[in-house]
Amino acid sequence: MALNPDWLGLLAGTLTTIAFVPQVLKTWRSRSAEDLSLGMFSLFTVGIALWLIYGFWIKALPLILTNTITLGLAATLLFFKLRFGSGK
């Protein structure tokens, strides 16, 4: 049985997307984003947006679905960094 590349892409995207959830919840609960790098999350958010555009361009549903959610989570962390900063 051959593995469909779309299923592999969906699994990979789902796992990397889920990886963001604990950080979003921790930052929300603590109201502190002191340890988050603004530069890293800014670049990461732009990178995810570009992956999403690429997904639409090549009509790759796994890229579109997972990067839409990841973009939302990354943008949320970026917002928390700007809003909460050090939590003080």
C-alpha atoms as a PDB file:
ATOM      1  CA  MET A   1       0.000   0.000   0.000  1.00  0.00           C
ATOM      2  CA  ALA A   2       1.542   3.276  -1.134  1.00  0.00           C
ATOM      3  CA  LEU A   3       1.260   6.369   1.017  1.00  0.00           C
ATOM      4  CA  ASN A   4      -0.517   9.229  -0.711  1.00  0.00           C
ATOM      5  CA  PRO A   5       1.701  12.356  -0.658  1.00  0.00           C
ATOM      6  CA  ASP A   6      -1.323  14.503   0.239  1.00  0.00           C
ATOM      7  CA  TRP A   7      -1.967  12.415   3.358  1.00  0.00           C
ATOM      8  CA  LEU A   8       1.681  12.661   4.344  1.00  0.00           C
ATOM      9  CA  GLY A   9       1.574  16.439   3.846  1.00  0.00           C
ATOM     10  CA  LEU A  10      -1.626  16.696   5.869  1.00  0.00           C
ATOM     11  CA  LEU A  11      -0.146  14.621   8.701  1.00  0.00           C
ATOM     12  CA  ALA A  12       3.077  16.665   8.744  1.00  0.00           C
ATOM     13  CA  GLY A  13       1.162  19.942   8.657  1.00  0.00           C
ATOM     14  CA  THR A  14      -1.237  18.810  11.367  1.00  0.00           C
ATOM     15  CA  LEU A  15       1.577  17.807  13.712  1.00  0.00           C
ATOM     16  CA  THR A  16       3.507  21.050  13.225  1.00  0.00           C
ATOM     17  CA  THR A  17       0.310  23.057  13.656  1.00  0.00           C
ATOM     18  CA  ILE A  18      -0.655  21.260  16.870  1.00  0.00           C
ATOM     19  CA  ALA A  19       2.845  21.964  18.193  1.00  0.00           C
ATOM     20  CA  PHE A  20       1.876  25.649  18.519  1.00  0.00           C
ATOM     21  CA  VAL A  21      -1.172  25.092  20.713  1.00  0.00           C
ATOM     22  CA  PRO A  22       0.679  24.586  24.037  1.00  0.00           C
ATOM     23  CA  GLN A  23       2.689  27.797  23.524  1.00  0.00           C
ATOM     24  CA  VAL A  24      -0.427  29.805  22.669  1.00  0.00           C
ATOM     25  CA  LEU A  25      -2.219  28.491  25.770  1.00  0.00           C
ATOM     26  CA  LYS A  26       0.799  29.066  28.037  1.00  0.00           C
ATOM     27  CA  THR A  27       1.260  32.624  26.798  1.00  0.00           C
ATOM     28  CA  TRP A  28      -2.451  33.375  27.143  1.00  0.00           C
ATOM     29  CA  ARG A  29      -2.638  31.991  30.682  1.00  0.00           C
ATOM     30  CA  SER A  30       0.531  33.686  31.931  1.00  0.00           C
ATOM     31  CA  ARG A  31      -0.104  36.932  30.027  1.00  0.00           C
ATOM     32  CA  SER A  32       3.644  37.022  29.469  1.00  0.00           C
ATOM     33  CA  ALA A  33       5.457  36.761  26.165  1.00  0.00           C
ATOM     34  CA  GLU A  34       8.831  37.822  27.523  1.00  0.00           C
ATOM     35  CA  ASP A  35      10.609  34.683  26.328  1.00  0.00           C
ATOM     36  CA  LEU A  36       9.183  34.838  22.797  1.00  0.00           C
ATOM     37  CA  SER A  37      11.429  36.354  20.154  1.00  0.00           C
ATOM     38  CA  LEU A  38       9.673  39.154  18.257  1.00  0.00           C
ATOM     39  CA  GLY A  39      12.055  38.789  15.320  1.00  0.00           C
ATOM     40  CA  MET A  40      11.595  35.028  15.101  1.00  0.00           C
ATOM     41  CA  PHE A  41       7.804  35.146  15.272  1.00  0.00           C
ATOM     42  CA  SER A  42       7.631  38.046  12.819  1.00  0.00           C
ATOM     43  CA  LEU A  43       9.712  36.150  10.265  1.00  0.00           C
ATOM     44  CA  PHE A  44       7.902  32.893  10.993  1.00  0.00           C
ATOM     45  CA  THR A  45       4.480  34.497  10.490  1.00  0.00           C
ATOM     46  CA  VAL A  46       5.551  35.982   7.152  1.00  0.00           C
ATOM     47  CA  GLY A  47       7.002  32.606   6.150  1.00  0.00           C
ATOM     48  CA  ILE A  48       3.752  30.805   6.966  1.00  0.00           C
ATOM     49  CA  ALA A  49       1.799  33.415   4.992  1.00  0.00           C
ATOM     50  CA  LEU A  50       4.059  32.724   2.010  1.00  0.00           C
ATOM     51  CA  TRP A  51       3.558  28.951   2.405  1.00  0.00           C
ATOM     52  CA  LEU A  52      -0.191  29.584   2.400  1.00  0.00           C
ATOM     53  CA  ILE A  53       0.033  31.656  -0.785  1.00  0.00           C
ATOM     54  CA  TYR A  54       2.162  28.910  -2.328  1.00  0.00           C
ATOM     55  CA  GLY A  55      -0.427  26.317  -1.294  1.00  0.00           C
ATOM     56  CA  PHE A  56      -3.171  28.257  -3.067  1.00  0.00           C
ATOM     57  CA  TRP A  57      -0.918  28.736  -6.082  1.00  0.00           C
ATOM     58  CA  ILE A  58      -0.274  25.020  -6.543  1.00  0.00           C
ATOM     59  CA  LYS A  59      -3.742  24.060  -5.268  1.00  0.00           C
ATOM     60  CA  ALA A  60      -2.361  21.866  -2.470  1.00  0.00           C
ATOM     61  CA  LEU A  61      -5.147  21.352   0.049  1.00  0.00           C
ATOM     62  CA  PRO A  62      -2.852  20.052   2.839  1.00  0.00           C
ATOM     63  CA  LEU A  63      -0.723  23.217   2.603  1.00  0.00           C
ATOM     64  CA  ILE A  64      -3.797  25.433   2.530  1.00  0.00           C
ATOM     65  CA  LEU A  65      -5.556  23.795   5.487  1.00  0.00           C
ATOM     66  CA  THR A  66      -2.619  23.439   7.826  1.00  0.00           C
ATOM     67  CA  ASN A  67      -0.975  26.771   7.039  1.00  0.00           C
ATOM     68  CA  THR A  68      -4.254  28.637   7.485  1.00  0.00           C
ATOM     69  CA  ILE A  69      -4.465  27.309  11.036  1.00  0.00           C
ATOM     70  CA  THR A  70      -0.730  27.726  11.696  1.00  0.00           C
ATOM     71  CA  LEU A  71      -0.884  31.312  10.443  1.00  0.00           C
ATOM     72  CA  GLY A  72      -3.693  32.004  12.900  1.00  0.00           C
ATOM     73  CA  LEU A  73      -1.723  30.505  15.790  1.00  0.00           C
ATOM     74  CA  ALA A  74       1.530  32.246  14.843  1.00  0.00           C
ATOM     75  CA  ALA A  75      -0.281  35.564  14.403  1.00  0.00           C
ATOM     76  CA  THR A  76      -1.885  35.046  17.815  1.00  0.00           C
ATOM     77  CA  LEU A  77       1.537  34.560  19.411  1.00  0.00           C
ATOM     78  CA  LEU A  78       2.849  37.610  17.579  1.00  0.00           C
ATOM     79  CA  PHE A  79      -0.128  39.616  18.874  1.00  0.00           C
ATOM     80  CA  PHE A  80       0.517  38.321  22.410  1.00  0.00           C
ATOM     81  CA  LYS A  81       4.171  39.363  22.127  1.00  0.00           C
ATOM     82  CA  LEU A  82       3.153  42.871  21.103  1.00  0.00           C
ATOM     83  CA  ARG A  83       0.319  43.068  23.635  1.00  0.00           C
ATOM     84  CA  PHE A  84       1.743  41.348  26.704  1.00  0.00           C
ATOM     85  CA  GLY A  85       5.464  41.855  26.160  1.00  0.00           C
ATOM     86  CA  SER A  86       7.078  40.936  29.438  1.00  0.00           C
ATOM     87  CA  GLY A  87       3.788  40.525  31.277  1.00  0.00           C
ATOM     88  CA  LYS A  88       4.475  43.491  33.526  1.00  0.00           C
END
